[in-house]
PDB file of all heavy atoms in Angstrom:
ATOM      1  N   LYS A   1      68.173 113.859  97.429  1.00  0.00           N
ATOM      2  CA  LYS A   1      68.343 113.256  96.028  1.00  0.00           C
ATOM      3  C   LYS A   1      67.006 113.217  95.201  1.00  0.00           C
ATOM      4  O   LYS A   1      66.779 112.268  94.532  1.00  0.00           O
ATOM      5  CB  LYS A   1      68.943 111.865  96.151  1.00  0.00           C
ATOM      6  CG  LYS A   1      70.235 111.835  96.890  1.00  0.00           C
ATOM      7  CD  LYS A   1      71.075 110.564  96.633  1.00  0.00           C
ATOM      8  CE  LYS A   1      72.484 110.626  97.114  1.00  0.00           C
ATOM      9  NZ  LYS A   1      72.972 111.754  97.977  1.00  0.00           N
ATOM     10  N   MET A   2      66.239 114.283  95.357  1.00  0.00           N
ATOM     11  CA  MET A   2      64.931 114.345  94.580  1.00  0.00           C
ATOM     12  C   MET A   2      65.088 115.085  93.250  1.00  0.00           C
ATOM     13  O   MET A   2      64.100 115.150  92.528  1.00  0.00           O
ATOM     14  CB  MET A   2      63.875 115.122  95.433  1.00  0.00           C
ATOM     15  CG  MET A   2      63.385 114.306  96.690  1.00  0.00           C
ATOM     16  SD  MET A   2      62.203 115.357  97.479  1.00  0.00           S
ATOM     17  CE  MET A   2      61.749 114.442  98.857  1.00  0.00           C
ATOM     18  N   LEU A   3      66.200 115.697  93.009  1.00  0.00           N
ATOM     19  CA  LEU A   3      66.417 116.543  91.752  1.00  0.00           C
ATOM     20  C   LEU A   3      67.450 115.966  90.904  1.00  0.00           C
ATOM     21  O   LEU A   3      68.486 115.408  91.339  1.00  0.00           O
ATOM     22  CB  LEU A   3      66.714 117.986  92.134  1.00  0.00           C
ATOM     23  CG  LEU A   3      65.770 118.704  93.043  1.00  0.00           C
ATOM     24  CD1 LEU A   3      66.180 120.111  93.213  1.00  0.00           C
ATOM     25  CD2 LEU A   3      64.292 118.740  92.334  1.00  0.00           C
ATOM     26  N   SER A   4      67.248 116.072  89.584  1.00  0.00           N
ATOM     27  CA  SER A   4      68.281 115.575  88.602  1.00  0.00           C
ATOM     28  C   SER A   4      69.146 116.868  88.191  1.00  0.00           C
ATOM     29  O   SER A   4      68.599 117.930  88.084  1.00  0.00           O
ATOM     30  CB  SER A   4      67.582 115.160  87.335  1.00  0.00           C
ATOM     31  OG  SER A   4      66.922 113.925  87.550  1.00  0.00           O
ATOM     32  N   PRO A   5      70.440 116.636  87.931  1.00  0.00           N
ATOM     33  CA  PRO A   5      71.206 117.754  87.462  1.00  0.00           C
ATOM     34  C   PRO A   5      70.759 118.254  86.101  1.00  0.00           C
ATOM     35  O   PRO A   5      70.071 117.550  85.354  1.00  0.00           O
ATOM     36  CB  PRO A   5      72.655 117.151  87.263  1.00  0.00           C
ATOM     37  CG  PRO A   5      72.609 115.857  88.002  1.00  0.00           C
ATOM     38  CD  PRO A   5      71.119 115.369  88.024  1.00  0.00           C
ATOM     39  N   ILE A   6      70.848 119.615  85.937  1.00  0.00           N
ATOM     40  CA  ILE A   6      70.414 120.212  84.725  1.00  0.00           C
ATOM     41  C   ILE A   6      71.581 120.360  83.759  1.00  0.00           C
ATOM     42  O   ILE A   6      72.714 120.666  84.155  1.00  0.00           O
ATOM     43  CB  ILE A   6      69.840 121.649  85.040  1.00  0.00           C
ATOM     44  CG1 ILE A   6      68.472 121.483  85.723  1.00  0.00           C
ATOM     45  CG2 ILE A   6      69.731 122.500  83.810  1.00  0.00           C
ATOM     46  CD1 ILE A   6      67.870 122.722  86.332  1.00  0.00           C
ATOM     47  N   ASP A   7      71.289 120.028  82.476  1.00  0.00           N
ATOM     48  CA  ASP A   7      72.369 120.096  81.484  1.00  0.00           C
ATOM     49  C   ASP A   7      72.281 121.531  80.752  1.00  0.00           C
ATOM     50  O   ASP A   7      71.453 121.726  79.976  1.00  0.00           O
ATOM     51  CB  ASP A   7      72.026 119.001  80.389  1.00  0.00           C
ATOM     52  CG  ASP A   7      73.138 119.049  79.367  1.00  0.00           C
ATOM     53  OD1 ASP A   7      73.993 119.896  79.293  1.00  0.00           O
ATOM     54  OD2 ASP A   7      73.009 118.127  78.400  1.00  0.00           O
ATOM     55  N   HIS A   8      73.211 122.365  81.223  1.00  0.00           N
ATOM     56  CA  HIS A   8      73.276 123.684  80.734  1.00  0.00           C
ATOM     57  C   HIS A   8      73.423 123.787  79.228  1.00  0.00           C
ATOM     58  O   HIS A   8      73.010 124.812  78.573  1.00  0.00           O
ATOM     59  CB  HIS A   8      74.260 124.614  81.520  1.00  0.00           C
ATOM     60  CG  HIS A   8      73.872 124.919  82.902  1.00  0.00           C
ATOM     61  ND1 HIS A   8      73.770 126.220  83.317  1.00  0.00           N
ATOM     62  CD2 HIS A   8      73.419 124.142  83.986  1.00  0.00           C
ATOM     63  CE1 HIS A   8      73.345 126.278  84.601  1.00  0.00           C
ATOM     64  NE2 HIS A   8      73.111 125.033  85.040  1.00  0.00           N
ATOM     65  N   ALA A   9      74.080 122.829  78.641  1.00  0.00           N
ATOM     66  CA  ALA A   9      74.263 122.849  77.196  1.00  0.00           C
ATOM     67  C   ALA A   9      72.930 122.795  76.486  1.00  0.00           C
ATOM     68  O   ALA A   9      72.850 123.217  75.243  1.00  0.00           O
ATOM     69  CB  ALA A   9      75.095 121.643  76.786  1.00  0.00           C
ATOM     70  N   MET A  10      71.910 122.286  77.145  1.00  0.00           N
ATOM     71  CA  MET A  10      70.566 122.252  76.527  1.00  0.00           C
ATOM     72  C   MET A  10      69.688 123.510  76.748  1.00  0.00           C
ATOM     73  O   MET A  10      68.537 123.552  76.385  1.00  0.00           O
ATOM     74  CB  MET A  10      69.777 120.970  77.005  1.00  0.00           C
ATOM     75  CG  MET A  10      70.398 119.779  76.558  1.00  0.00           C
ATOM     76  SD  MET A  10      69.471 118.351  77.126  1.00  0.00           S
ATOM     77  CE  MET A  10      67.928 118.447  76.202  1.00  0.00           C
ATOM     78  N   LEU A  11      70.356 124.521  77.369  1.00  0.00           N
ATOM     79  CA  LEU A  11      69.537 125.726  77.674  1.00  0.00           C
ATOM     80  C   LEU A  11      70.322 126.972  77.059  1.00  0.00           C
ATOM     81  O   LEU A  11      70.923 127.789  77.756  1.00  0.00           O
ATOM     82  CB  LEU A  11      69.492 125.971  79.247  1.00  0.00           C
ATOM     83  CG  LEU A  11      68.769 124.836  80.028  1.00  0.00           C
ATOM     84  CD1 LEU A  11      68.855 125.165  81.532  1.00  0.00           C
ATOM     85  CD2 LEU A  11      67.339 124.624  79.500  1.00  0.00           C
ATOM     86  N   PRO A  12      70.247 127.122  75.652  1.00  0.00           N
ATOM     87  CA  PRO A  12      70.838 128.288  75.112  1.00  0.00           C
ATOM     88  C   PRO A  12      70.359 129.605  75.705  1.00  0.00           C
ATOM     89  O   PRO A  12      71.103 130.609  75.617  1.00  0.00           O
ATOM     90  CB  PRO A  12      70.562 128.081  73.643  1.00  0.00           C
ATOM     91  CG  PRO A  12      69.508 127.119  73.520  1.00  0.00           C
ATOM     92  CD  PRO A  12      69.594 126.194  74.790  1.00  0.00           C
ATOM     93  N   ASN A  13      69.177 129.655  76.231  1.00  0.00           N
ATOM     94  CA  ASN A  13      68.617 130.854  76.755  1.00  0.00           C
ATOM     95  C   ASN A  13      69.069 131.225  78.152  1.00  0.00           C
ATOM     96  O   ASN A  13      68.618 132.224  78.784  1.00  0.00           O
ATOM     97  CB  ASN A  13      67.066 130.889  76.651  1.00  0.00           C
ATOM     98  CG  ASN A  13      66.523 130.992  75.251  1.00  0.00           C
ATOM     99  OD1 ASN A  13      67.195 131.567  74.379  1.00  0.00           O
ATOM    100  ND2 ASN A  13      65.369 130.476  75.041  1.00  0.00           N
ATOM    101  N   PHE A  14      69.910 130.406  78.738  1.00  0.00           N
ATOM    102  CA  PHE A  14      70.405 130.637  80.177  1.00  0.00           C
ATOM    103  C   PHE A  14      70.969 132.094  80.250  1.00  0.00           C
ATOM    104  O   PHE A  14      70.880 132.741  81.236  1.00  0.00           O
ATOM    105  CB  PHE A  14      71.328 129.593  80.553  1.00  0.00           C
ATOM    106  CG  PHE A  14      71.773 129.684  81.909  1.00  0.00           C
ATOM    107  CD1 PHE A  14      71.070 129.135  83.004  1.00  0.00           C
ATOM    108  CD2 PHE A  14      73.001 130.272  82.336  1.00  0.00           C
ATOM    109  CE1 PHE A  14      71.427 129.261  84.309  1.00  0.00           C
ATOM    110  CE2 PHE A  14      73.392 130.414  83.626  1.00  0.00           C
ATOM    111  CZ  PHE A  14      72.703 129.902  84.600  1.00  0.00           C
ATOM    112  N   GLY A  15      71.670 132.480  79.217  1.00  0.00           N
ATOM    113  CA  GLY A  15      72.351 133.776  79.221  1.00  0.00           C
ATOM    114  C   GLY A  15      71.374 134.999  79.346  1.00  0.00           C
ATOM    115  O   GLY A  15      71.811 136.140  79.664  1.00  0.00           O
ATOM    116  N   ASN A  16      70.061 134.716  79.155  1.00  0.00           N
ATOM    117  CA  ASN A  16      69.102 135.821  79.339  1.00  0.00           C
ATOM    118  C   ASN A  16      68.921 136.190  80.739  1.00  0.00           C
ATOM    119  O   ASN A  16      68.342 137.232  81.127  1.00  0.00           O
ATOM    120  CB  ASN A  16      67.735 135.433  78.742  1.00  0.00           C
ATOM    121  CG  ASN A  16      67.637 135.409  77.238  1.00  0.00           C
ATOM    122  OD1 ASN A  16      68.534 136.125  76.591  1.00  0.00           O
ATOM    123  ND2 ASN A  16      66.752 134.715  76.619  1.00  0.00           N
ATOM    124  N   LEU A  17      69.337 135.260  81.635  1.00  0.00           N
ATOM    125  CA  LEU A  17      69.109 135.619  83.083  1.00  0.00           C
ATOM    126  C   LEU A  17      70.017 136.703  83.629  1.00  0.00           C
ATOM    127  O   LEU A  17      71.136 136.846  83.211  1.00  0.00           O
ATOM    128  CB  LEU A  17      69.438 134.301  83.855  1.00  0.00           C
ATOM    129  CG  LEU A  17      68.392 133.168  83.793  1.00  0.00           C
ATOM    130  CD1 LEU A  17      68.986 131.865  84.363  1.00  0.00           C
ATOM    131  CD2 LEU A  17      67.110 133.543  84.547  1.00  0.00           C
ATOM    132  N   ASP A  18      69.457 137.454  84.523  1.00  0.00           N
ATOM    133  CA  ASP A  18      70.243 138.443  85.254  1.00  0.00           C
ATOM    134  C   ASP A  18      71.517 137.795  85.828  1.00  0.00           C
ATOM    135  O   ASP A  18      71.333 136.702  86.517  1.00  0.00           O
ATOM    136  CB  ASP A  18      69.395 139.025  86.391  1.00  0.00           C
ATOM    137  CG  ASP A  18      70.007 140.164  87.125  1.00  0.00           C
ATOM    138  OD1 ASP A  18      71.228 140.003  87.499  1.00  0.00           O
ATOM    139  OD2 ASP A  18      69.330 141.179  87.354  1.00  0.00           O
ATOM    140  N   PRO A  19      72.687 138.280  85.629  1.00  0.00           N
ATOM    141  CA  PRO A  19      73.851 137.664  86.204  1.00  0.00           C
ATOM    142  C   PRO A  19      73.813 137.344  87.695  1.00  0.00           C
ATOM    143  O   PRO A  19      74.357 136.355  88.246  1.00  0.00           O
ATOM    144  CB  PRO A  19      75.005 138.662  85.887  1.00  0.00           C
ATOM    145  CG  PRO A  19      74.515 139.441  84.725  1.00  0.00           C
ATOM    146  CD  PRO A  19      73.068 139.522  84.863  1.00  0.00           C
ATOM    147  N   ASN A  20      73.116 138.230  88.450  1.00  0.00           N
ATOM    148  CA  ASN A  20      72.872 137.997  89.890  1.00  0.00           C
ATOM    149  C   ASN A  20      72.253 136.701  90.196  1.00  0.00           C
ATOM    150  O   ASN A  20      72.223 136.132  91.319  1.00  0.00           O
ATOM    151  CB  ASN A  20      72.084 139.118  90.559  1.00  0.00           C
ATOM    152  CG  ASN A  20      72.856 140.443  90.500  1.00  0.00           C
ATOM    153  OD1 ASN A  20      74.091 140.383  90.604  1.00  0.00           O
ATOM    154  ND2 ASN A  20      72.081 141.574  90.356  1.00  0.00           N
ATOM    155  N   PHE A  21      71.446 136.158  89.187  1.00  0.00           N
ATOM    156  CA  PHE A  21      70.665 134.952  89.431  1.00  0.00           C
ATOM    157  C   PHE A  21      71.278 133.734  88.733  1.00  0.00           C
ATOM    158  O   PHE A  21      70.717 132.587  88.790  1.00  0.00           O
ATOM    159  CB  PHE A  21      69.277 135.162  88.875  1.00  0.00           C
ATOM    160  CG  PHE A  21      68.369 136.076  89.782  1.00  0.00           C
ATOM    161  CD1 PHE A  21      68.278 137.451  89.454  1.00  0.00           C
ATOM    162  CD2 PHE A  21      67.712 135.604  90.886  1.00  0.00           C
ATOM    163  CE1 PHE A  21      67.506 138.302  90.239  1.00  0.00           C
ATOM    164  CE2 PHE A  21      66.928 136.435  91.671  1.00  0.00           C
ATOM    165  CZ  PHE A  21      66.902 137.736  91.396  1.00  0.00           C
ATOM    166  N   GLN A  22      72.420 133.962  88.111  1.00  0.00           N
ATOM    167  CA  GLN A  22      73.093 132.729  87.422  1.00  0.00           C
ATOM    168  C   GLN A  22      73.820 131.887  88.345  1.00  0.00           C
ATOM    169  O   GLN A  22      74.293 130.868  87.937  1.00  0.00           O
ATOM    170  CB  GLN A  22      73.951 133.236  86.213  1.00  0.00           C
ATOM    171  CG  GLN A  22      73.114 133.893  85.103  1.00  0.00           C
ATOM    172  CD  GLN A  22      73.945 134.300  83.949  1.00  0.00           C
ATOM    173  OE1 GLN A  22      75.015 133.772  83.682  1.00  0.00           O
ATOM    174  NE2 GLN A  22      73.427 135.131  83.056  1.00  0.00           N
ATOM    175  N   ASP A  23      73.804 132.285  89.583  1.00  0.00           N
ATOM    176  CA  ASP A  23      74.439 131.475  90.645  1.00  0.00           C
ATOM    177  C   ASP A  23      73.600 131.675  91.887  1.00  0.00           C
ATOM    178  O   ASP A  23      72.815 132.592  91.973  1.00  0.00           O
ATOM    179  CB  ASP A  23      75.902 131.883  90.890  1.00  0.00           C
ATOM    180  CG  ASP A  23      76.692 130.855  91.656  1.00  0.00           C
ATOM    181  OD1 ASP A  23      76.257 129.803  91.895  1.00  0.00           O
ATOM    182  OD2 ASP A  23      77.925 131.161  91.952  1.00  0.00           O
ATOM    183  N   ALA A  24      73.755 130.762  92.850  1.00  0.00           N
ATOM    184  CA  ALA A  24      72.923 130.897  94.086  1.00  0.00           C
ATOM    185  C   ALA A  24      73.556 130.149  95.154  1.00  0.00           C
ATOM    186  O   ALA A  24      74.032 129.037  95.032  1.00  0.00           O
ATOM    187  CB  ALA A  24      71.516 130.292  93.841  1.00  0.00           C
ATOM    188  N   ALA A  25      73.508 130.787  96.395  1.00  0.00           N
ATOM    189  CA  ALA A  25      74.163 130.097  97.587  1.00  0.00           C
ATOM    190  C   ALA A  25      73.497 128.801  97.833  1.00  0.00           C
ATOM    191  O   ALA A  25      74.135 127.873  98.299  1.00  0.00           O
ATOM    192  CB  ALA A  25      74.006 131.044  98.804  1.00  0.00           C
ATOM    193  N   PHE A  26      72.195 128.632  97.533  1.00  0.00           N
ATOM    194  CA  PHE A  26      71.472 127.431  97.841  1.00  0.00           C
ATOM    195  C   PHE A  26      71.649 126.370  96.809  1.00  0.00           C
ATOM    196  O   PHE A  26      71.327 125.211  97.054  1.00  0.00           O
ATOM    197  CB  PHE A  26      70.000 127.601  98.074  1.00  0.00           C
ATOM    198  CG  PHE A  26      69.225 128.208  96.948  1.00  0.00           C
ATOM    199  CD1 PHE A  26      68.676 127.417  95.927  1.00  0.00           C
ATOM    200  CD2 PHE A  26      69.080 129.642  96.891  1.00  0.00           C
ATOM    201  CE1 PHE A  26      68.039 128.040  94.836  1.00  0.00           C
ATOM    202  CE2 PHE A  26      68.374 130.210  95.800  1.00  0.00           C
ATOM    203  CZ  PHE A  26      67.908 129.332  94.728  1.00  0.00           C
ATOM    204  N   ASP A  27      72.248 126.694  95.647  1.00  0.00           N
ATOM    205  CA  ASP A  27      72.550 125.774  94.478  1.00  0.00           C
ATOM    206  C   ASP A  27      73.693 126.374  93.773  1.00  0.00           C
ATOM    207  O   ASP A  27      73.553 126.902  92.577  1.00  0.00           O
ATOM    208  CB  ASP A  27      71.271 125.692  93.628  1.00  0.00           C
ATOM    209  CG  ASP A  27      71.492 124.691  92.530  1.00  0.00           C
ATOM    210  OD1 ASP A  27      72.360 123.901  92.509  1.00  0.00           O
ATOM    211  OD2 ASP A  27      70.727 124.798  91.472  1.00  0.00           O
ATOM    212  N   PRO A  28      74.965 126.214  94.184  1.00  0.00           N
ATOM    213  CA  PRO A  28      76.071 126.750  93.619  1.00  0.00           C
ATOM    214  C   PRO A  28      76.174 126.217  92.120  1.00  0.00           C
ATOM    215  O   PRO A  28      76.020 125.015  91.752  1.00  0.00           O
ATOM    216  CB  PRO A  28      77.286 126.135  94.389  1.00  0.00           C
ATOM    217  CG  PRO A  28      76.685 125.923  95.728  1.00  0.00           C
ATOM    218  CD  PRO A  28      75.308 125.478  95.538  1.00  0.00           C
ATOM    219  N   GLY A  29      76.460 127.160  91.222  1.00  0.00           N
ATOM    220  CA  GLY A  29      76.540 126.871  89.764  1.00  0.00           C
ATOM    221  C   GLY A  29      75.198 126.557  89.102  1.00  0.00           C
ATOM    222  O   GLY A  29      75.234 126.093  88.028  1.00  0.00           O
ATOM    223  N   ARG A  30      74.208 126.673  89.875  1.00  0.00           N
ATOM    224  CA  ARG A  30      72.859 126.433  89.334  1.00  0.00           C
ATOM    225  C   ARG A  30      72.762 124.941  88.707  1.00  0.00           C
ATOM    226  O   ARG A  30      72.327 124.756  87.606  1.00  0.00           O
ATOM    227  CB  ARG A  30      72.412 127.400  88.304  1.00  0.00           C
ATOM    228  CG  ARG A  30      72.028 128.780  88.863  1.00  0.00           C
ATOM    229  CD  ARG A  30      70.689 128.682  89.498  1.00  0.00           C
ATOM    230  NE  ARG A  30      70.265 129.945  90.148  1.00  0.00           N
ATOM    231  CZ  ARG A  30      69.166 130.066  90.868  1.00  0.00           C
ATOM    232  NH1 ARG A  30      68.430 129.040  91.145  1.00  0.00           N
ATOM    233  NH2 ARG A  30      68.855 131.340  91.400  1.00  0.00           N
ATOM    234  N   GLN A  31      73.361 124.076  89.472  1.00  0.00           N
ATOM    235  CA  GLN A  31      73.341 122.678  88.874  1.00  0.00           C
ATOM    236  C   GLN A  31      71.920 122.006  88.854  1.00  0.00           C
ATOM    237  O   GLN A  31      71.715 121.076  88.115  1.00  0.00           O
ATOM    238  CB  GLN A  31      74.269 121.751  89.835  1.00  0.00           C
ATOM    239  CG  GLN A  31      75.766 122.111  89.746  1.00  0.00           C
ATOM    240  CD  GLN A  31      76.535 121.256  90.681  1.00  0.00           C
ATOM    241  OE1 GLN A  31      76.666 120.093  90.369  1.00  0.00           O
ATOM    242  NE2 GLN A  31      76.872 121.791  91.783  1.00  0.00           N
ATOM    243  N   TYR A  32      71.086 122.433  89.810  1.00  0.00           N
ATOM    244  CA  TYR A  32      69.774 121.732  89.959  1.00  0.00           C
ATOM    245  C   TYR A  32      68.575 122.682  89.789  1.00  0.00           C
ATOM    246  O   TYR A  32      67.411 122.168  89.754  1.00  0.00           O
ATOM    247  CB  TYR A  32      69.653 121.107  91.330  1.00  0.00           C
ATOM    248  CG  TYR A  32      70.700 119.964  91.540  1.00  0.00           C
ATOM    249  CD1 TYR A  32      71.911 120.218  92.240  1.00  0.00           C
ATOM    250  CD2 TYR A  32      70.404 118.691  91.060  1.00  0.00           C
ATOM    251  CE1 TYR A  32      72.780 119.245  92.399  1.00  0.00           C
ATOM    252  CE2 TYR A  32      71.322 117.615  91.344  1.00  0.00           C
ATOM    253  CZ  TYR A  32      72.560 117.956  91.936  1.00  0.00           C
ATOM    254  OH  TYR A  32      73.415 116.844  92.158  1.00  0.00           O
ATOM    255  N   SER A  33      68.802 123.934  89.622  1.00  0.00           N
ATOM    256  CA  SER A  33      67.632 124.895  89.615  1.00  0.00           C
ATOM    257  C   SER A  33      67.927 126.019  88.672  1.00  0.00           C
ATOM    258  O   SER A  33      69.021 126.505  88.594  1.00  0.00           O
ATOM    259  CB  SER A  33      67.375 125.354  91.012  1.00  0.00           C
ATOM    260  OG  SER A  33      68.462 126.261  91.384  1.00  0.00           O
ATOM    261  N   ILE A  34      66.835 126.461  88.015  1.00  0.00           N
ATOM    262  CA  ILE A  34      66.907 127.624  87.107  1.00  0.00           C
ATOM    263  C   ILE A  34      65.925 128.652  87.641  1.00  0.00           C
ATOM    264  O   ILE A  34      64.698 128.317  87.883  1.00  0.00           O
ATOM    265  CB  ILE A  34      66.515 127.204  85.663  1.00  0.00           C
ATOM    266  CG1 ILE A  34      67.525 126.127  85.117  1.00  0.00           C
ATOM    267  CG2 ILE A  34      66.464 128.450  84.822  1.00  0.00           C
ATOM    268  CD1 ILE A  34      68.894 126.632  84.971  1.00  0.00           C
ATOM    269  N   PRO A  35      66.310 129.807  87.974  1.00  0.00           N
ATOM    270  CA  PRO A  35      65.480 130.838  88.529  1.00  0.00           C
ATOM    271  C   PRO A  35      64.314 131.247  87.721  1.00  0.00           C
ATOM    272  O   PRO A  35      64.489 131.316  86.453  1.00  0.00           O
ATOM    273  CB  PRO A  35      66.429 132.103  88.758  1.00  0.00           C
ATOM    274  CG  PRO A  35      67.509 131.892  87.834  1.00  0.00           C
ATOM    275  CD  PRO A  35      67.749 130.404  87.662  1.00  0.00           C
ATOM    276  N   TYR A  36      63.254 131.395  88.298  1.00  0.00           N
ATOM    277  CA  TYR A  36      61.940 131.703  87.539  1.00  0.00           C
ATOM    278  C   TYR A  36      61.501 133.107  88.000  1.00  0.00           C
ATOM    279  O   TYR A  36      61.684 134.066  87.256  1.00  0.00           O
ATOM    280  CB  TYR A  36      60.909 130.628  87.804  1.00  0.00           C
ATOM    281  CG  TYR A  36      59.595 130.847  87.126  1.00  0.00           C
ATOM    282  CD1 TYR A  36      59.453 131.195  85.879  1.00  0.00           C
ATOM    283  CD2 TYR A  36      58.427 130.677  87.929  1.00  0.00           C
ATOM    284  CE1 TYR A  36      58.185 131.399  85.254  1.00  0.00           C
ATOM    285  CE2 TYR A  36      57.136 130.776  87.414  1.00  0.00           C
ATOM    286  CZ  TYR A  36      57.024 131.166  86.060  1.00  0.00           C
ATOM    287  OH  TYR A  36      55.846 131.379  85.455  1.00  0.00           O
ATOM    288  N   MET A  37      60.836 133.222  89.100  1.00  0.00           N
ATOM    289  CA  MET A  37      60.431 134.542  89.622  1.00  0.00           C
ATOM    290  C   MET A  37      60.917 134.674  91.069  1.00  0.00           C
ATOM    291  O   MET A  37      61.322 133.725  91.634  1.00  0.00           O
ATOM    292  CB  MET A  37      58.856 134.608  89.584  1.00  0.00           C
ATOM    293  CG  MET A  37      58.158 134.462  88.322  1.00  0.00           C
ATOM    294  SD  MET A  37      58.357 135.995  87.275  1.00  0.00           S
ATOM    295  CE  MET A  37      57.939 135.350  85.628  1.00  0.00           C
ATOM    296  N   TRP A  38      60.965 135.941  91.530  1.00  0.00           N
ATOM    297  CA  TRP A  38      61.439 136.225  92.824  1.00  0.00           C
ATOM    298  C   TRP A  38      60.628 137.351  93.378  1.00  0.00           C
ATOM    299  O   TRP A  38      59.913 138.008  92.760  1.00  0.00           O
ATOM    300  CB  TRP A  38      62.931 136.544  92.887  1.00  0.00           C
ATOM    301  CG  TRP A  38      63.347 137.822  92.218  1.00  0.00           C
ATOM    302  CD1 TRP A  38      63.465 137.998  90.872  1.00  0.00           C
ATOM    303  CD2 TRP A  38      63.676 139.061  92.790  1.00  0.00           C
ATOM    304  NE1 TRP A  38      63.813 139.244  90.587  1.00  0.00           N
ATOM    305  CE2 TRP A  38      63.970 139.960  91.771  1.00  0.00           C
ATOM    306  CE3 TRP A  38      63.719 139.485  94.125  1.00  0.00           C
ATOM    307  CZ2 TRP A  38      64.333 141.365  92.077  1.00  0.00           C
ATOM    308  CZ3 TRP A  38      64.129 140.781  94.374  1.00  0.00           C
ATOM    309  CH2 TRP A  38      64.377 141.695  93.376  1.00  0.00           C
ATOM    310  N   GLY A  39      60.785 137.553  94.706  1.00  0.00           N
ATOM    311  CA  GLY A  39      60.051 138.698  95.302  1.00  0.00           C
ATOM    312  C   GLY A  39      60.091 138.709  96.785  1.00  0.00           C
ATOM    313  O   GLY A  39      61.025 138.084  97.412  1.00  0.00           O
ATOM    314  N   THR A  40      59.065 139.315  97.407  1.00  0.00           N
ATOM    315  CA  THR A  40      59.142 139.581  98.791  1.00  0.00           C
ATOM    316  C   THR A  40      57.809 139.043  99.383  1.00  0.00           C
ATOM    317  O   THR A  40      56.842 138.792  98.650  1.00  0.00           O
ATOM    318  CB  THR A  40      59.228 141.086  99.118  1.00  0.00           C
ATOM    319  OG1 THR A  40      58.262 141.720  98.487  1.00  0.00           O
ATOM    320  CG2 THR A  40      60.611 141.663  98.761  1.00  0.00           C
ATOM    321  N   ILE A  41      57.770 139.031 100.770  1.00  0.00           N
ATOM    322  CA  ILE A  41      56.523 138.852 101.382  1.00  0.00           C
ATOM    323  C   ILE A  41      56.269 140.098 102.299  1.00  0.00           C
ATOM    324  O   ILE A  41      57.268 140.683 102.715  1.00  0.00           O
ATOM    325  CB  ILE A  41      56.583 137.596 102.314  1.00  0.00           C
ATOM    326  CG1 ILE A  41      55.210 137.024 102.491  1.00  0.00           C
ATOM    327  CG2 ILE A  41      57.314 137.811 103.578  1.00  0.00           C
ATOM    328  CD1 ILE A  41      55.208 135.694 103.104  1.00  0.00           C
ATOM    329  N   GLY A  42      55.073 140.550 102.436  1.00  0.00           N
ATOM    330  CA  GLY A  42      54.845 141.835 103.148  1.00  0.00           C
ATOM    331  C   GLY A  42      53.362 141.845 103.578  1.00  0.00           C
ATOM    332  O   GLY A  42      52.699 140.890 103.691  1.00  0.00           O
ATOM    333  N   ILE A  43      52.965 143.140 103.691  1.00  0.00           N
ATOM    334  CA  ILE A  43      51.564 143.372 104.201  1.00  0.00           C
ATOM    335  C   ILE A  43      50.788 143.970 103.179  1.00  0.00           C
ATOM    336  O   ILE A  43      51.123 145.121 102.578  1.00  0.00           O
ATOM    337  CB  ILE A  43      51.538 144.229 105.547  1.00  0.00           C
ATOM    338  CG1 ILE A  43      52.331 143.550 106.606  1.00  0.00           C
ATOM    339  CG2 ILE A  43      50.148 144.577 105.914  1.00  0.00           C
ATOM    340  CD1 ILE A  43      52.537 144.431 107.929  1.00  0.00           C
ATOM    341  N   GLY A  44      49.655 143.343 102.729  1.00  0.00           N
ATOM    342  CA  GLY A  44      48.689 143.925 101.872  1.00  0.00           C
ATOM    343  C   GLY A  44      47.605 144.615 102.746  1.00  0.00           C
ATOM    344  O   GLY A  44      47.274 144.065 103.822  1.00  0.00           O
ATOM    345  N   TYR A  45      47.145 145.804 102.396  1.00  0.00           N
ATOM    346  CA  TYR A  45      46.271 146.543 103.228  1.00  0.00           C
ATOM    347  C   TYR A  45      45.253 147.347 102.475  1.00  0.00           C
ATOM    348  O   TYR A  45      45.504 147.723 101.333  1.00  0.00           O
ATOM    349  CB  TYR A  45      47.040 147.351 104.242  1.00  0.00           C
ATOM    350  CG  TYR A  45      47.865 148.438 103.650  1.00  0.00           C
ATOM    351  CD1 TYR A  45      47.374 149.809 103.583  1.00  0.00           C
ATOM    352  CD2 TYR A  45      49.151 148.171 103.091  1.00  0.00           C
ATOM    353  CE1 TYR A  45      48.168 150.791 103.013  1.00  0.00           C
ATOM    354  CE2 TYR A  45      49.909 149.137 102.556  1.00  0.00           C
ATOM    355  CZ  TYR A  45      49.410 150.452 102.465  1.00  0.00           C
ATOM    356  OH  TYR A  45      50.110 151.420 101.811  1.00  0.00           O
ATOM    357  N   ARG A  46      44.098 147.609 103.109  1.00  0.00           N
ATOM    358  CA  ARG A  46      43.068 148.444 102.538  1.00  0.00           C
ATOM    359  C   ARG A  46      43.278 149.832 103.063  1.00  0.00           C
ATOM    360  O   ARG A  46      43.086 150.072 104.236  1.00  0.00           O
ATOM    361  CB  ARG A  46      41.646 147.893 102.808  1.00  0.00           C
ATOM    362  CG  ARG A  46      40.541 148.642 102.234  1.00  0.00           C
ATOM    363  CD  ARG A  46      39.223 147.852 102.117  1.00  0.00           C
ATOM    364  NE  ARG A  46      39.231 146.819 101.156  1.00  0.00           N
ATOM    365  CZ  ARG A  46      39.110 147.055  99.793  1.00  0.00           C
ATOM    366  NH1 ARG A  46      39.102 148.211  99.262  1.00  0.00           N
ATOM    367  NH2 ARG A  46      39.161 145.967  99.001  1.00  0.00           N
ATOM    368  N   LYS A  47      43.705 150.745 102.170  1.00  0.00           N
ATOM    369  CA  LYS A  47      44.089 152.100 102.597  1.00  0.00           C
ATOM    370  C   LYS A  47      43.094 152.831 103.382  1.00  0.00           C
ATOM    371  O   LYS A  47      43.336 153.452 104.373  1.00  0.00           O
ATOM    372  CB  LYS A  47      44.504 152.908 101.330  1.00  0.00           C
ATOM    373  CG  LYS A  47      45.658 152.336 100.564  1.00  0.00           C
ATOM    374  CD  LYS A  47      45.796 153.144  99.237  1.00  0.00           C
ATOM    375  CE  LYS A  47      46.773 152.456  98.266  1.00  0.00           C
ATOM    376  NZ  LYS A  47      46.757 153.084  97.030  1.00  0.00           N
TER     377      LYS A  47
END
């Protein structure tokens, strides 16, 4: 109970998001979270 629900009516730019990110298994309907950046973890190396 650390997060407040998000009012999507106050986010007209929500539609700019990639449809794949407009929902999430960890937050169905994006009630509490809006995707920002994503990526991977891997190995950085000196060639």
